Amino acid sequence: MAHSNKQRRQAVILKILIGLTIVIAMGSLLLVIVQVLMRGIPHLNGDIFDPTWTTENQSMMPAIWNTLLLILITLVLTIPVGVATAIYTVEYAKPGSRFVAISRLMTETLQGIPSIIFGLFGMIFFVNTIGWGNAIISGALTMWFMTLPLVIRSTEEALMAVPMSLREASYGLGATKLRTTFQVVLPAAAMGIFSGIILTIGRIVGETAALIYTAGSMAQYASPMLNGRTLAIHMYLLQTEGIHKDQAYATAVILLIVVLAINGLSTMIQNAYKKKETGNDD
């Protein structure tokens, strides 16, 4: 009886600690969101959405264009390589393969490297050695190194979540390995893969340290070979210059909305994927 009461007390204490942790985490998030919204919303006006940037209006439209261009180029480079690598490691490589072990070790190592290191690498290699200078393509290739591990790992997890019975059923009907992979496994894992891509977009949108050394900081509509600031760099420069802090907070509101929307979309996709996986459509 005494042992049972002790277990109950421990369970209550554990619940209280978990509850406090949740409250602290949610409170911190809400504090950040509320502060940004309170400081930024009053300064959201037509000037910062003017198509043409000037030193007076500090329009974010060029930065939005550059961010979209950077996302497009990075995804075009990252998705084929990341998905193909994951398909090989999960579907084709032999169990216990040394190549797969080395590949996953390198992937995990890349995920743990600070973004500023990627930025310095991109500056040395793409900007200076190759000679592209500060340009969107330099930033995109730097982001390719940063986001490739995320795409590989998310795709691997999505592929491994596909039941083996689907593969066996396909083989039983006479389908080849290639056909099974592309017509059975990949469609079943599509939502999980797409969720990883959405998170990759969020990483690109919010990155500053790596891109300020590679993509550049010019407030202009850039092409792949031209210098151009992204939305996160635009906000960072406005804040550090100290002259247009109101516009910086307004930009932070837009950036916050974009990031929350991306994470919300990712959560929706993951929930839909889980429902499909369990066969629960309620």
Protein backbone atom coordinates (compact mmCIF):
# COMPACT_ATOMS: atom_id res chain seq x y z
CA MET A 1 0.00 0.00 0.00
CA ALA A 2 2.81 2.41 0.91
CA HIS A 3 4.58 1.52 -2.33
CA SER A 4 1.39 2.24 -4.29
CA ASN A 5 0.99 5.67 -2.64
CA LYS A 6 4.62 6.48 -3.43
CA GLN A 7 4.04 5.63 -7.09
CA ARG A 8 0.94 7.87 -7.16
CA ARG A 9 2.92 10.78 -5.68
CA GLN A 10 5.68 10.28 -8.21
CA ALA A 11 3.13 10.21 -11.02
CA VAL A 12 1.53 13.45 -9.78
CA ILE A 13 4.92 15.17 -9.46
CA LEU A 14 5.88 14.01 -12.95
CA LYS A 15 2.60 15.36 -14.39
CA ILE A 16 3.16 18.70 -12.66
CA LEU A 17 6.72 18.95 -14.04
CA ILE A 18 5.54 18.08 -17.55
CA GLY A 19 2.74 20.64 -17.26
CA LEU A 20 5.18 23.34 -16.12
CA THR A 21 7.50 22.51 -19.02
CA ILE A 22 4.64 22.84 -21.50
CA VAL A 23 3.52 26.13 -19.96
CA ILE A 24 7.07 27.56 -20.09
CA ALA A 25 7.53 26.46 -23.72
CA MET A 26 4.16 27.80 -24.85
CA GLY A 27 4.59 30.96 -22.83
CA SER A 28 7.98 31.68 -24.38
CA LEU A 29 6.57 31.17 -27.88
CA LEU A 30 3.57 33.38 -27.20
CA LEU A 31 5.81 36.07 -25.69
CA VAL A 32 7.91 36.21 -28.85
CA ILE A 33 4.85 36.25 -31.13
CA VAL A 34 3.04 38.92 -29.12
CA GLN A 35 6.10 41.17 -28.93
CA VAL A 36 6.74 40.95 -32.66
CA LEU A 37 3.09 41.56 -33.53
CA MET A 38 2.74 44.50 -31.14
CA ARG A 39 5.87 46.18 -32.46
CA GLY A 40 5.32 45.34 -36.12
CA ILE A 41 1.61 45.51 -36.94
CA PRO A 42 1.30 49.31 -36.38
CA HIS A 43 3.99 49.84 -39.04
CA LEU A 44 2.48 47.61 -41.71
CA ASN A 45 1.54 50.05 -44.46
CA GLY A 46 1.54 50.40 -48.22
CA ASP A 47 5.07 51.79 -48.34
CA ILE A 48 6.79 48.57 -47.34
CA PHE A 49 4.84 46.74 -50.08
CA ASP A 50 5.73 49.28 -52.75
CA PRO A 51 7.00 47.52 -55.90
CA THR A 52 10.05 49.81 -56.02
CA TRP A 53 12.54 49.95 -53.15
CA THR A 54 13.83 53.34 -52.00
CA THR A 55 15.79 54.51 -48.98
CA GLU A 56 12.58 56.09 -47.67
CA ASN A 57 10.04 53.29 -47.98
CA GLN A 58 12.44 50.33 -47.39
CA SER A 59 10.08 48.14 -49.42
CA MET A 60 10.33 44.40 -48.80
CA MET A 61 9.05 43.42 -52.25
CA PRO A 62 12.52 42.88 -53.79
CA ALA A 63 13.42 40.75 -50.75
CA ILE A 64 10.24 38.68 -51.19
CA TRP A 65 11.08 38.09 -54.86
CA ASN A 66 14.65 37.10 -54.02
CA THR A 67 13.43 34.73 -51.30
CA LEU A 68 11.06 32.98 -53.72
CA LEU A 69 13.82 32.73 -56.34
CA LEU A 70 16.22 31.28 -53.76
CA ILE A 71 13.62 28.73 -52.63
CA LEU A 72 12.93 27.65 -56.22
CA ILE A 73 16.60 27.15 -57.14
CA THR A 74 17.44 25.39 -53.88
CA LEU A 75 14.51 22.97 -54.17
CA VAL A 76 15.33 22.19 -57.81
CA LEU A 77 18.85 21.27 -56.70
CA THR A 78 17.94 19.52 -53.46
CA ILE A 79 14.84 17.42 -54.09
CA PRO A 80 16.15 15.13 -56.89
CA VAL A 81 19.44 14.40 -55.12
CA GLY A 82 17.89 14.03 -51.66
CA VAL A 83 15.01 11.79 -52.73
CA ALA A 84 17.25 9.65 -54.98
CA THR A 85 19.77 9.16 -52.15
CA ALA A 86 17.02 8.13 -49.73
CA ILE A 87 15.53 5.71 -52.26
CA TYR A 88 18.89 4.02 -52.68
CA THR A 89 19.68 3.77 -48.96
CA VAL A 90 16.23 2.41 -48.05
CA GLU A 91 15.16 0.38 -51.08
CA TYR A 92 18.31 -0.78 -52.86
CA ALA A 93 21.26 -0.85 -50.45
CA LYS A 94 22.02 -4.11 -48.68
CA PRO A 95 21.10 -4.27 -44.97
CA GLY A 96 24.11 -3.25 -42.89
CA SER A 97 25.83 -1.68 -45.89
CA ARG A 98 28.94 0.31 -44.95
CA PHE A 99 28.08 2.89 -47.60
CA VAL A 100 24.68 3.50 -45.98
CA ALA A 101 26.27 3.80 -42.53
CA ILE A 102 28.81 6.33 -43.82
CA SER A 103 26.10 8.22 -45.71
CA ARG A 104 23.91 8.55 -42.62
CA LEU A 105 26.88 9.56 -40.47
CA MET A 106 27.75 12.32 -42.95
CA THR A 107 24.10 13.40 -43.12
CA GLU A 108 23.83 13.69 -39.34
CA THR A 109 27.16 15.53 -39.21
CA LEU A 110 26.02 18.06 -41.81
CA GLN A 111 22.82 18.65 -39.83
CA GLY A 112 24.85 19.55 -36.76
CA ILE A 113 27.17 22.08 -38.43
CA PRO A 114 26.33 25.75 -37.60
CA SER A 115 24.94 27.70 -40.55
CA ILE A 116 27.68 30.33 -40.27
CA ILE A 117 30.21 27.61 -41.21
CA PHE A 118 28.24 26.88 -44.36
CA GLY A 119 28.22 30.59 -45.08
CA LEU A 120 32.01 30.84 -44.79
CA PHE A 121 32.40 27.76 -47.00
CA GLY A 122 30.05 29.25 -49.61
CA MET A 123 31.92 32.55 -49.55
CA ILE A 124 35.30 30.87 -49.99
CA PHE A 125 34.22 28.38 -52.66
CA PHE A 126 31.31 29.82 -54.67
CA VAL A 127 31.90 33.55 -54.18
CA ASN A 128 35.71 33.73 -54.33
CA THR A 129 37.15 30.51 -55.82
CA ILE A 130 34.62 29.97 -58.60
CA GLY A 131 34.18 33.72 -58.96
CA TRP A 132 30.40 34.05 -58.96
CA GLY A 133 30.56 36.76 -56.32
CA ASN A 134 27.64 37.47 -54.01
CA ALA A 135 24.69 36.14 -56.00
CA ILE A 136 21.47 34.19 -55.53
CA ILE A 137 23.06 31.10 -57.12
CA SER A 138 25.89 31.20 -54.56
CA GLY A 139 23.34 31.35 -51.77
CA ALA A 140 21.22 28.58 -53.32
CA LEU A 141 24.16 26.19 -53.62
CA THR A 142 25.16 26.96 -50.03
CA MET A 143 21.59 26.25 -48.93
CA TRP A 144 21.75 23.04 -50.96
CA PHE A 145 24.47 21.74 -48.64
CA MET A 146 22.44 22.83 -45.61
CA THR A 147 19.06 21.43 -46.62
CA LEU A 148 20.12 18.21 -48.37
CA PRO A 149 20.45 16.26 -45.06
CA LEU A 150 16.93 17.33 -44.04
CA VAL A 151 15.42 16.11 -47.32
CA ILE A 152 17.37 12.83 -47.18
CA ARG A 153 16.38 12.03 -43.59
CA SER A 154 12.72 13.00 -43.99
CA THR A 155 12.47 10.94 -47.18
CA GLU A 156 14.13 7.95 -45.53
CA GLU A 157 11.69 8.10 -42.62
CA ALA A 158 8.74 8.35 -45.01
CA LEU A 159 9.95 5.37 -47.06
CA MET A 160 10.64 3.23 -43.99
CA ALA A 161 7.12 3.98 -42.72
CA VAL A 162 5.60 2.29 -45.78
CA PRO A 163 4.49 -1.23 -44.71
CA MET A 164 6.58 -4.06 -46.15
CA SER A 165 3.34 -5.85 -47.03
CA LEU A 166 2.74 -3.33 -49.83
CA ARG A 167 6.07 -4.18 -51.39
CA GLU A 168 5.48 -7.92 -51.00
CA ALA A 169 2.04 -7.64 -52.58
CA SER A 170 3.52 -5.78 -55.53
CA TYR A 171 6.24 -8.39 -55.98
CA GLY A 172 3.62 -11.11 -55.73
CA LEU A 173 1.77 -9.57 -58.68
CA GLY A 174 4.95 -9.74 -60.76
CA ALA A 175 6.07 -6.11 -60.49
CA THR A 176 9.78 -5.36 -60.70
CA LYS A 177 11.78 -3.63 -57.98
CA LEU A 178 11.86 -0.38 -59.96
CA ARG A 179 8.14 -0.41 -60.66
CA THR A 180 7.32 -1.25 -57.05
CA THR A 181 9.48 1.61 -55.81
CA PHE A 182 8.04 4.27 -58.10
CA GLN A 183 4.41 3.13 -58.39
CA VAL A 184 3.77 1.69 -54.93
CA VAL A 185 6.29 2.89 -52.35
CA LEU A 186 6.81 6.50 -53.43
CA PRO A 187 3.06 7.31 -53.73
CA ALA A 188 2.50 5.82 -50.28
CA ALA A 189 5.35 7.94 -48.85
CA ALA A 190 4.49 11.09 -50.83
CA MET A 191 2.94 13.05 -47.96
CA GLY A 192 5.86 12.33 -45.65
CA ILE A 193 8.32 13.43 -48.33
CA PHE A 194 6.29 16.57 -49.01
CA SER A 195 6.25 17.38 -45.30
CA GLY A 196 10.07 17.29 -45.29
CA ILE A 197 10.14 19.62 -48.30
CA ILE A 198 7.86 22.07 -46.49
CA LEU A 199 10.23 22.09 -43.51
CA THR A 200 13.11 22.66 -45.93
CA ILE A 201 11.34 25.73 -47.29
CA GLY A 202 10.98 27.02 -43.73
CA ARG A 203 14.72 26.56 -43.19
CA ILE A 204 15.49 28.54 -46.35
CA VAL A 205 13.07 31.36 -45.50
CA GLY A 206 14.49 31.86 -42.01
CA GLU A 207 18.21 31.58 -42.85
CA THR A 208 20.40 34.66 -42.44
CA ALA A 209 23.94 33.77 -41.38
CA ALA A 210 24.82 31.64 -44.41
CA LEU A 211 23.13 33.87 -46.99
CA ILE A 212 24.56 37.22 -45.93
CA TYR A 213 28.00 35.90 -46.97
CA THR A 214 26.83 34.36 -50.24
CA ALA A 215 23.57 35.73 -51.66
CA GLY A 216 24.44 39.29 -50.67
CA SER A 217 22.55 42.27 -49.27
CA MET A 218 21.57 44.46 -52.23
CA ALA A 219 17.97 45.71 -52.09
CA GLN A 220 17.11 44.91 -55.70
CA TYR A 221 15.20 42.38 -57.78
CA ALA A 222 17.92 39.82 -58.43
CA SER A 223 18.43 37.13 -61.04
CA PRO A 224 20.37 33.93 -60.21
CA MET A 225 23.70 35.63 -61.00
CA LEU A 226 22.96 38.93 -59.22
CA ASN A 227 23.38 40.08 -55.64
CA GLY A 228 20.12 40.24 -53.67
CA ARG A 229 18.92 40.20 -50.09
CA THR A 230 16.28 37.76 -48.84
CA LEU A 231 13.46 38.63 -46.45
CA ALA A 232 15.39 37.48 -43.36
CA ILE A 233 18.50 39.44 -44.40
CA HIS A 234 16.32 42.48 -45.13
CA MET A 235 14.96 42.39 -41.59
CA TYR A 236 18.41 41.82 -40.09
CA LEU A 237 19.98 44.75 -41.94
CA LEU A 238 17.15 47.14 -41.09
CA GLN A 239 17.52 46.25 -37.41
CA THR A 240 21.32 46.46 -37.27
CA GLU A 241 21.48 49.75 -39.18
CA GLY A 242 19.26 51.24 -36.48
CA ILE A 243 17.61 53.79 -38.78
CA HIS A 244 14.53 51.84 -39.90
CA LYS A 245 13.69 49.69 -36.89
CA ASP A 246 9.94 50.15 -37.40
CA GLN A 247 10.20 48.65 -40.89
CA ALA A 248 12.33 45.85 -39.42
CA TYR A 249 9.55 44.89 -37.01
CA ALA A 250 6.99 45.10 -39.82
CA THR A 251 9.16 42.76 -41.88
CA ALA A 252 9.44 40.47 -38.86
CA VAL A 253 5.63 40.20 -38.77
CA ILE A 254 5.52 39.04 -42.40
CA LEU A 255 8.40 36.63 -41.81
CA LEU A 256 6.72 35.26 -38.68
CA ILE A 257 3.45 34.72 -40.55
CA VAL A 258 5.27 32.89 -43.34
CA VAL A 259 7.16 30.62 -40.92
CA LEU A 260 4.03 29.84 -38.88
CA ALA A 261 2.12 29.08 -42.07
CA ILE A 262 4.86 26.75 -43.28
CA ASN A 263 5.00 24.89 -39.97
CA GLY A 264 1.20 24.73 -39.82
CA LEU A 265 1.07 23.25 -43.31
CA SER A 266 3.72 20.72 -42.36
CA THR A 267 1.69 19.67 -39.30
CA MET A 268 -1.45 19.30 -41.40
CA ILE A 269 0.40 17.08 -43.88
CA GLN A 270 1.85 14.94 -41.10
CA ASN A 271 -1.60 14.49 -39.52
CA ALA A 272 -3.11 13.55 -42.88
CA TYR A 273 -0.24 11.10 -43.43
CA LYS A 274 -0.83 9.47 -40.04
CA LYS A 275 -4.57 9.15 -40.72
CA LYS A 276 -3.87 7.53 -44.07
CA GLU A 277 -1.30 5.23 -42.49
CA THR A 278 -3.71 4.03 -39.79
CA GLY A 279 -6.70 3.97 -42.16
CA ASN A 280 -8.63 6.41 -39.96
CA ASP A 281 -10.52 8.93 -42.09
CA ASP A 282 -12.59 10.39 -39.24
